[in-house]
PDB file of all heavy atoms in Angstrom:
ATOM      1  N   TYR A   1    -112.020 196.424 -37.932  1.00  0.00           N
ATOM      2  CA  TYR A   1    -113.256 197.172 -37.595  1.00  0.00           C
ATOM      3  C   TYR A   1    -114.465 196.374 -38.120  1.00  0.00           C
ATOM      4  O   TYR A   1    -115.503 196.866 -38.370  1.00  0.00           O
ATOM      5  CB  TYR A   1    -113.315 198.569 -38.090  1.00  0.00           C
ATOM      6  CG  TYR A   1    -112.502 199.430 -37.145  1.00  0.00           C
ATOM      7  CD1 TYR A   1    -111.519 200.296 -37.656  1.00  0.00           C
ATOM      8  CD2 TYR A   1    -112.822 199.532 -35.767  1.00  0.00           C
ATOM      9  CE1 TYR A   1    -110.809 201.168 -36.807  1.00  0.00           C
ATOM     10  CE2 TYR A   1    -112.109 200.279 -34.921  1.00  0.00           C
ATOM     11  CZ  TYR A   1    -111.203 201.146 -35.498  1.00  0.00           C
ATOM     12  OH  TYR A   1    -110.437 202.002 -34.643  1.00  0.00           O
ATOM     13  N   GLY A   2    -114.368 195.103 -38.283  1.00  0.00           N
ATOM     14  CA  GLY A   2    -115.557 194.396 -38.794  1.00  0.00           C
ATOM     15  C   GLY A   2    -116.664 194.383 -37.955  1.00  0.00           C
ATOM     16  O   GLY A   2    -117.787 194.431 -38.230  1.00  0.00           O
ATOM     17  N   PHE A   3    -116.461 194.605 -36.570  1.00  0.00           N
ATOM     18  CA  PHE A   3    -117.569 194.633 -35.592  1.00  0.00           C
ATOM     19  C   PHE A   3    -118.303 195.910 -35.670  1.00  0.00           C
ATOM     20  O   PHE A   3    -119.363 196.044 -35.059  1.00  0.00           O
ATOM     21  CB  PHE A   3    -116.988 194.559 -34.149  1.00  0.00           C
ATOM     22  CG  PHE A   3    -116.153 195.718 -33.738  1.00  0.00           C
ATOM     23  CD1 PHE A   3    -116.681 196.728 -33.004  1.00  0.00           C
ATOM     24  CD2 PHE A   3    -114.793 195.803 -33.976  1.00  0.00           C
ATOM     25  CE1 PHE A   3    -115.903 197.783 -32.474  1.00  0.00           C
ATOM     26  CE2 PHE A   3    -114.027 196.770 -33.613  1.00  0.00           C
ATOM     27  CZ  PHE A   3    -114.581 197.867 -32.917  1.00  0.00           C
ATOM     28  N   THR A   4    -117.817 196.986 -36.473  1.00  0.00           N
ATOM     29  CA  THR A   4    -118.507 198.147 -36.587  1.00  0.00           C
ATOM     30  C   THR A   4    -119.394 198.175 -37.890  1.00  0.00           C
ATOM     31  O   THR A   4    -120.141 199.181 -38.262  1.00  0.00           O
ATOM     32  CB  THR A   4    -117.610 199.377 -36.647  1.00  0.00           C
ATOM     33  OG1 THR A   4    -116.774 199.319 -37.875  1.00  0.00           O
ATOM     34  CG2 THR A   4    -116.728 199.524 -35.380  1.00  0.00           C
ATOM     35  N   GLY A   5    -119.294 197.154 -38.712  1.00  0.00           N
ATOM     36  CA  GLY A   5    -119.996 196.960 -39.980  1.00  0.00           C
ATOM     37  C   GLY A   5    -119.030 196.958 -41.182  1.00  0.00           C
ATOM     38  O   GLY A   5    -119.452 196.805 -42.171  1.00  0.00           O
ATOM     39  N   ALA A   6    -117.843 197.201 -40.878  1.00  0.00           N
ATOM     40  CA  ALA A   6    -116.784 197.131 -42.047  1.00  0.00           C
ATOM     41  C   ALA A   6    -116.629 195.689 -42.612  1.00  0.00           C
ATOM     42  O   ALA A   6    -116.920 194.764 -41.837  1.00  0.00           O
ATOM     43  CB  ALA A   6    -115.383 197.645 -41.579  1.00  0.00           C
ATOM     44  N   ASP A   7    -116.422 195.632 -43.938  1.00  0.00           N
ATOM     45  CA  ASP A   7    -116.267 194.357 -44.615  1.00  0.00           C
ATOM     46  C   ASP A   7    -114.795 193.830 -44.363  1.00  0.00           C
ATOM     47  O   ASP A   7    -113.903 194.529 -44.758  1.00  0.00           O
ATOM     48  CB  ASP A   7    -116.527 194.527 -46.081  1.00  0.00           C
ATOM     49  CG  ASP A   7    -116.571 193.275 -46.829  1.00  0.00           C
ATOM     50  OD1 ASP A   7    -116.087 192.182 -46.215  1.00  0.00           O
ATOM     51  OD2 ASP A   7    -116.935 193.229 -47.969  1.00  0.00           O
ATOM     52  N   ALA A   8    -114.685 192.770 -43.650  1.00  0.00           N
ATOM     53  CA  ALA A   8    -113.259 192.191 -43.410  1.00  0.00           C
ATOM     54  C   ALA A   8    -112.486 192.031 -44.655  1.00  0.00           C
ATOM     55  O   ALA A   8    -111.275 191.789 -44.524  1.00  0.00           O
ATOM     56  CB  ALA A   8    -113.434 191.005 -42.586  1.00  0.00           C
ATOM     57  N   ASP A   9    -113.234 191.635 -45.703  1.00  0.00           N
ATOM     58  CA  ASP A   9    -112.425 191.426 -47.040  1.00  0.00           C
ATOM     59  C   ASP A   9    -112.639 192.586 -47.982  1.00  0.00           C
ATOM     60  O   ASP A   9    -112.636 192.403 -49.191  1.00  0.00           O
ATOM     61  CB  ASP A   9    -113.139 190.198 -47.697  1.00  0.00           C
ATOM     62  CG  ASP A   9    -113.002 188.862 -46.847  1.00  0.00           C
ATOM     63  OD1 ASP A   9    -111.831 188.634 -46.422  1.00  0.00           O
ATOM     64  OD2 ASP A   9    -113.981 188.212 -46.709  1.00  0.00           O
ATOM     65  N   SER A  10    -112.675 193.805 -47.420  1.00  0.00           N
ATOM     66  CA  SER A  10    -112.914 195.031 -48.244  1.00  0.00           C
ATOM     67  C   SER A  10    -111.906 195.206 -49.272  1.00  0.00           C
ATOM     68  O   SER A  10    -112.159 195.405 -50.561  1.00  0.00           O
ATOM     69  CB  SER A  10    -112.969 196.188 -47.322  1.00  0.00           C
ATOM     70  OG  SER A  10    -113.131 197.442 -48.214  1.00  0.00           O
ATOM     71  N   LEU A  11    -110.631 195.097 -48.960  1.00  0.00           N
ATOM     72  CA  LEU A  11    -109.548 195.302 -49.979  1.00  0.00           C
ATOM     73  C   LEU A  11    -109.570 194.234 -51.053  1.00  0.00           C
ATOM     74  O   LEU A  11    -109.554 194.672 -52.256  1.00  0.00           O
ATOM     75  CB  LEU A  11    -108.213 195.352 -49.380  1.00  0.00           C
ATOM     76  CG  LEU A  11    -107.932 196.588 -48.393  1.00  0.00           C
ATOM     77  CD1 LEU A  11    -106.481 196.540 -47.894  1.00  0.00           C
ATOM     78  CD2 LEU A  11    -108.252 197.875 -49.164  1.00  0.00           C
ATOM     79  N   ALA A  12    -109.720 193.002 -50.675  1.00  0.00           N
ATOM     80  CA  ALA A  12    -109.827 191.954 -51.730  1.00  0.00           C
ATOM     81  C   ALA A  12    -111.068 192.247 -52.661  1.00  0.00           C
ATOM     82  O   ALA A  12    -110.990 191.914 -53.804  1.00  0.00           O
ATOM     83  CB  ALA A  12    -109.908 190.635 -51.006  1.00  0.00           C
ATOM     84  N   ARG A  13    -112.192 192.621 -52.014  1.00  0.00           N
ATOM     85  CA  ARG A  13    -113.296 192.877 -52.820  1.00  0.00           C
ATOM     86  C   ARG A  13    -113.173 193.912 -53.659  1.00  0.00           C
ATOM     87  O   ARG A  13    -113.679 194.011 -54.937  1.00  0.00           O
ATOM     88  CB  ARG A  13    -114.509 192.995 -51.904  1.00  0.00           C
ATOM     89  CG  ARG A  13    -115.821 192.632 -52.355  1.00  0.00           C
ATOM     90  CD  ARG A  13    -116.972 192.682 -51.443  1.00  0.00           C
ATOM     91  NE  ARG A  13    -116.780 192.012 -50.226  1.00  0.00           N
ATOM     92  CZ  ARG A  13    -116.710 190.704 -49.951  1.00  0.00           C
ATOM     93  NH1 ARG A  13    -117.167 190.007 -51.011  1.00  0.00           N
ATOM     94  NH2 ARG A  13    -116.553 190.137 -48.793  1.00  0.00           N
ATOM     95  N   ILE A  14    -112.463 194.971 -53.375  1.00  0.00           N
ATOM     96  CA  ILE A  14    -112.237 196.174 -54.208  1.00  0.00           C
ATOM     97  C   ILE A  14    -111.336 195.746 -55.393  1.00  0.00           C
ATOM     98  O   ILE A  14    -111.627 196.124 -56.491  1.00  0.00           O
ATOM     99  CB  ILE A  14    -111.331 197.208 -53.412  1.00  0.00           C
ATOM    100  CG1 ILE A  14    -112.357 197.901 -52.361  1.00  0.00           C
ATOM    101  CG2 ILE A  14    -110.817 198.297 -54.310  1.00  0.00           C
ATOM    102  CD1 ILE A  14    -111.702 198.672 -51.300  1.00  0.00           C
ATOM    103  N   VAL A  15    -110.305 194.945 -55.207  1.00  0.00           N
ATOM    104  CA  VAL A  15    -109.492 194.459 -56.259  1.00  0.00           C
ATOM    105  C   VAL A  15    -110.306 193.588 -57.127  1.00  0.00           C
ATOM    106  O   VAL A  15    -110.316 193.775 -58.500  1.00  0.00           O
ATOM    107  CB  VAL A  15    -108.205 193.664 -55.651  1.00  0.00           C
ATOM    108  CG1 VAL A  15    -107.485 193.077 -56.937  1.00  0.00           C
ATOM    109  CG2 VAL A  15    -107.360 194.530 -54.881  1.00  0.00           C
ATOM    110  N   GLU A  16    -111.068 192.744 -56.674  1.00  0.00           N
ATOM    111  CA  GLU A  16    -112.030 191.825 -57.465  1.00  0.00           C
ATOM    112  C   GLU A  16    -112.981 192.682 -58.304  1.00  0.00           C
ATOM    113  O   GLU A  16    -113.246 192.448 -59.549  1.00  0.00           O
ATOM    114  CB  GLU A  16    -112.778 190.927 -56.497  1.00  0.00           C
ATOM    115  CG  GLU A  16    -113.724 189.869 -57.267  1.00  0.00           C
ATOM    116  CD  GLU A  16    -114.612 189.142 -56.361  1.00  0.00           C
ATOM    117  OE1 GLU A  16    -114.210 189.170 -55.176  1.00  0.00           O
ATOM    118  OE2 GLU A  16    -115.531 188.497 -56.783  1.00  0.00           O
ATOM    119  N   ARG A  17    -113.537 193.743 -57.712  1.00  0.00           N
ATOM    120  CA  ARG A  17    -114.586 194.476 -58.400  1.00  0.00           C
ATOM    121  C   ARG A  17    -114.108 195.517 -59.416  1.00  0.00           C
ATOM    122  O   ARG A  17    -114.662 195.737 -60.457  1.00  0.00           O
ATOM    123  CB  ARG A  17    -115.524 195.331 -57.349  1.00  0.00           C
ATOM    124  CG  ARG A  17    -116.201 194.345 -56.310  1.00  0.00           C
ATOM    125  CD  ARG A  17    -117.512 193.813 -57.052  1.00  0.00           C
ATOM    126  NE  ARG A  17    -118.406 194.777 -57.399  1.00  0.00           N
ATOM    127  CZ  ARG A  17    -119.346 195.418 -56.683  1.00  0.00           C
ATOM    128  NH1 ARG A  17    -119.371 195.114 -55.375  1.00  0.00           N
ATOM    129  NH2 ARG A  17    -120.176 196.311 -57.171  1.00  0.00           N
ATOM    130  N   THR A  18    -112.840 195.915 -59.128  1.00  0.00           N
ATOM    131  CA  THR A  18    -112.253 196.940 -60.021  1.00  0.00           C
ATOM    132  C   THR A  18    -111.073 196.594 -60.882  1.00  0.00           C
ATOM    133  O   THR A  18    -110.687 197.277 -61.820  1.00  0.00           O
ATOM    134  CB  THR A  18    -111.822 198.143 -59.187  1.00  0.00           C
ATOM    135  OG1 THR A  18    -110.723 197.815 -58.374  1.00  0.00           O
ATOM    136  CG2 THR A  18    -112.982 198.732 -58.232  1.00  0.00           C
ATOM    137  N   GLY A  19    -110.450 195.440 -60.597  1.00  0.00           N
ATOM    138  CA  GLY A  19    -109.326 194.984 -61.334  1.00  0.00           C
ATOM    139  C   GLY A  19    -108.192 195.962 -60.934  1.00  0.00           C
ATOM    140  O   GLY A  19    -107.309 196.143 -61.854  1.00  0.00           O
ATOM    141  N   ALA A  20    -108.106 196.430 -59.759  1.00  0.00           N
ATOM    142  CA  ALA A  20    -107.204 197.421 -59.390  1.00  0.00           C
ATOM    143  C   ALA A  20    -105.738 196.889 -59.390  1.00  0.00           C
ATOM    144  O   ALA A  20    -105.495 195.716 -59.199  1.00  0.00           O
ATOM    145  CB  ALA A  20    -107.441 197.917 -57.923  1.00  0.00           C
ATOM    146  N   THR A  21    -104.789 197.807 -59.708  1.00  0.00           N
ATOM    147  CA  THR A  21    -103.339 197.449 -59.571  1.00  0.00           C
ATOM    148  C   THR A  21    -102.975 197.696 -58.213  1.00  0.00           C
ATOM    149  O   THR A  21    -103.306 198.744 -57.560  1.00  0.00           O
ATOM    150  CB  THR A  21    -102.478 198.360 -60.522  1.00  0.00           C
ATOM    151  OG1 THR A  21    -102.912 198.225 -61.927  1.00  0.00           O
ATOM    152  CG2 THR A  21    -100.987 198.163 -60.357  1.00  0.00           C
ATOM    153  N   VAL A  22    -102.215 196.755 -57.610  1.00  0.00           N
ATOM    154  CA  VAL A  22    -101.810 196.862 -56.223  1.00  0.00           C
ATOM    155  C   VAL A  22    -100.431 197.371 -55.956  1.00  0.00           C
ATOM    156  O   VAL A  22     -99.537 196.664 -56.594  1.00  0.00           O
ATOM    157  CB  VAL A  22    -102.066 195.433 -55.464  1.00  0.00           C
ATOM    158  CG1 VAL A  22    -101.698 195.488 -53.946  1.00  0.00           C
ATOM    159  CG2 VAL A  22    -103.428 194.978 -55.529  1.00  0.00           C
ATOM    160  N   LEU A  23    -100.243 198.387 -55.311  1.00  0.00           N
ATOM    161  CA  LEU A  23     -98.851 198.925 -55.020  1.00  0.00           C
ATOM    162  C   LEU A  23     -98.578 198.955 -53.649  1.00  0.00           C
ATOM    163  O   LEU A  23     -99.447 199.322 -52.838  1.00  0.00           O
ATOM    164  CB  LEU A  23     -98.909 200.350 -55.660  1.00  0.00           C
ATOM    165  CG  LEU A  23     -99.223 200.617 -57.124  1.00  0.00           C
ATOM    166  CD1 LEU A  23     -99.290 202.024 -57.507  1.00  0.00           C
ATOM    167  CD2 LEU A  23     -98.214 199.946 -57.875  1.00  0.00           C
ATOM    168  N   PRO A  24     -97.359 198.647 -53.244  1.00  0.00           N
ATOM    169  CA  PRO A  24     -96.977 198.485 -51.786  1.00  0.00           C
ATOM    170  C   PRO A  24     -96.748 199.812 -51.180  1.00  0.00           C
ATOM    171  O   PRO A  24     -96.100 200.744 -51.837  1.00  0.00           O
ATOM    172  CB  PRO A  24     -95.811 197.610 -51.840  1.00  0.00           C
ATOM    173  CG  PRO A  24     -95.127 197.851 -53.036  1.00  0.00           C
ATOM    174  CD  PRO A  24     -96.248 198.169 -54.023  1.00  0.00           C
ATOM    175  N   LEU A  25     -96.962 200.046 -49.827  1.00  0.00           N
ATOM    176  CA  LEU A  25     -96.463 201.049 -49.055  1.00  0.00           C
ATOM    177  C   LEU A  25     -96.020 200.361 -47.736  1.00  0.00           C
ATOM    178  O   LEU A  25     -96.670 200.415 -46.772  1.00  0.00           O
ATOM    179  CB  LEU A  25     -97.660 202.073 -48.775  1.00  0.00           C
ATOM    180  CG  LEU A  25     -98.061 202.995 -49.870  1.00  0.00           C
ATOM    181  CD1 LEU A  25     -99.293 203.852 -49.528  1.00  0.00           C
ATOM    182  CD2 LEU A  25     -96.970 204.011 -50.344  1.00  0.00           C
ATOM    183  N   SER A  26     -94.764 199.985 -47.829  1.00  0.00           N
ATOM    184  CA  SER A  26     -94.399 199.016 -46.780  1.00  0.00           C
ATOM    185  C   SER A  26     -93.381 199.630 -45.744  1.00  0.00           C
ATOM    186  O   SER A  26     -92.957 198.973 -44.768  1.00  0.00           O
ATOM    187  CB  SER A  26     -93.585 197.730 -47.408  1.00  0.00           C
ATOM    188  OG  SER A  26     -92.641 198.235 -48.335  1.00  0.00           O
ATOM    189  N   VAL A  27     -92.942 200.858 -45.922  1.00  0.00           N
ATOM    190  CA  VAL A  27     -92.001 201.592 -45.083  1.00  0.00           C
ATOM    191  C   VAL A  27     -92.762 202.251 -43.935  1.00  0.00           C
ATOM    192  O   VAL A  27     -93.716 203.161 -44.199  1.00  0.00           O
ATOM    193  CB  VAL A  27     -91.075 202.512 -45.705  1.00  0.00           C
ATOM    194  CG1 VAL A  27     -90.116 203.208 -44.721  1.00  0.00           C
ATOM    195  CG2 VAL A  27     -90.265 201.699 -46.874  1.00  0.00           C
ATOM    196  N   THR A  28     -92.420 202.016 -42.697  1.00  0.00           N
ATOM    197  CA  THR A  28     -93.041 202.750 -41.497  1.00  0.00           C
ATOM    198  C   THR A  28     -91.998 203.745 -41.069  1.00  0.00           C
ATOM    199  O   THR A  28     -90.814 203.433 -40.932  1.00  0.00           O
ATOM    200  CB  THR A  28     -93.328 201.775 -40.412  1.00  0.00           C
ATOM    201  OG1 THR A  28     -93.874 202.575 -39.225  1.00  0.00           O
ATOM    202  CG2 THR A  28     -92.149 200.844 -39.875  1.00  0.00           C
ATOM    203  N   TYR A  29     -92.572 204.997 -40.840  1.00  0.00           N
ATOM    204  CA  TYR A  29     -91.627 206.107 -40.286  1.00  0.00           C
ATOM    205  C   TYR A  29     -92.041 206.354 -38.927  1.00  0.00           C
ATOM    206  O   TYR A  29     -91.586 207.363 -38.271  1.00  0.00           O
ATOM    207  CB  TYR A  29     -91.887 207.344 -41.213  1.00  0.00           C
ATOM    208  CG  TYR A  29     -91.444 207.127 -42.593  1.00  0.00           C
ATOM    209  CD1 TYR A  29     -92.185 206.628 -43.614  1.00  0.00           C
ATOM    210  CD2 TYR A  29     -90.061 207.552 -42.907  1.00  0.00           C
ATOM    211  CE1 TYR A  29     -91.638 206.435 -44.869  1.00  0.00           C
ATOM    212  CE2 TYR A  29     -89.603 207.378 -44.116  1.00  0.00           C
ATOM    213  CZ  TYR A  29     -90.319 206.835 -45.108  1.00  0.00           C
ATOM    214  OH  TYR A  29     -89.896 206.749 -46.475  1.00  0.00           O
ATOM    215  N   ARG A  30     -92.727 205.428 -38.214  1.00  0.00           N
ATOM    216  CA  ARG A  30     -93.064 205.544 -36.890  1.00  0.00           C
ATOM    217  C   ARG A  30     -92.174 204.741 -35.943  1.00  0.00           C
ATOM    218  O   ARG A  30     -91.608 205.153 -34.955  1.00  0.00           O
ATOM    219  CB  ARG A  30     -94.511 205.197 -36.586  1.00  0.00           C
ATOM    220  CG  ARG A  30     -94.867 205.155 -35.068  1.00  0.00           C
ATOM    221  CD  ARG A  30     -96.312 204.544 -34.875  1.00  0.00           C
ATOM    222  NE  ARG A  30     -97.263 205.345 -35.500  1.00  0.00           N
ATOM    223  CZ  ARG A  30     -98.444 204.861 -35.875  1.00  0.00           C
ATOM    224  NH1 ARG A  30     -98.726 203.558 -35.920  1.00  0.00           N
ATOM    225  NH2 ARG A  30     -99.349 205.671 -36.401  1.00  0.00           N
ATOM    226  N   CYS A  31     -92.088 203.401 -36.330  1.00  0.00           N
ATOM    227  CA  CYS A  31     -91.523 202.445 -35.482  1.00  0.00           C
ATOM    228  C   CYS A  31     -90.011 202.174 -35.588  1.00  0.00           C
ATOM    229  O   CYS A  31     -89.407 202.232 -36.690  1.00  0.00           O
ATOM    230  CB  CYS A  31     -92.094 201.102 -35.845  1.00  0.00           C
ATOM    231  SG  CYS A  31     -94.019 201.110 -35.684  1.00  0.00           S
ATOM    232  N   PRO A  32     -89.348 202.006 -34.440  1.00  0.00           N
ATOM    233  CA  PRO A  32     -87.984 201.616 -34.364  1.00  0.00           C
ATOM    234  C   PRO A  32     -87.701 200.352 -34.999  1.00  0.00           C
ATOM    235  O   PRO A  32     -88.630 199.483 -35.204  1.00  0.00           O
ATOM    236  CB  PRO A  32     -87.603 201.705 -32.836  1.00  0.00           C
ATOM    237  CG  PRO A  32     -88.772 202.418 -32.238  1.00  0.00           C
ATOM    238  CD  PRO A  32     -89.935 202.257 -33.010  1.00  0.00           C
TER     239      PRO A  32
END
């Protein structure tokens, strides 16, 4: 959604600004 004004690097910028711990959510319960 960069074309709506969202920052394409938002997540990386969040980690950089906050020192956040990154945890995965990798399992999809939708797709076969």
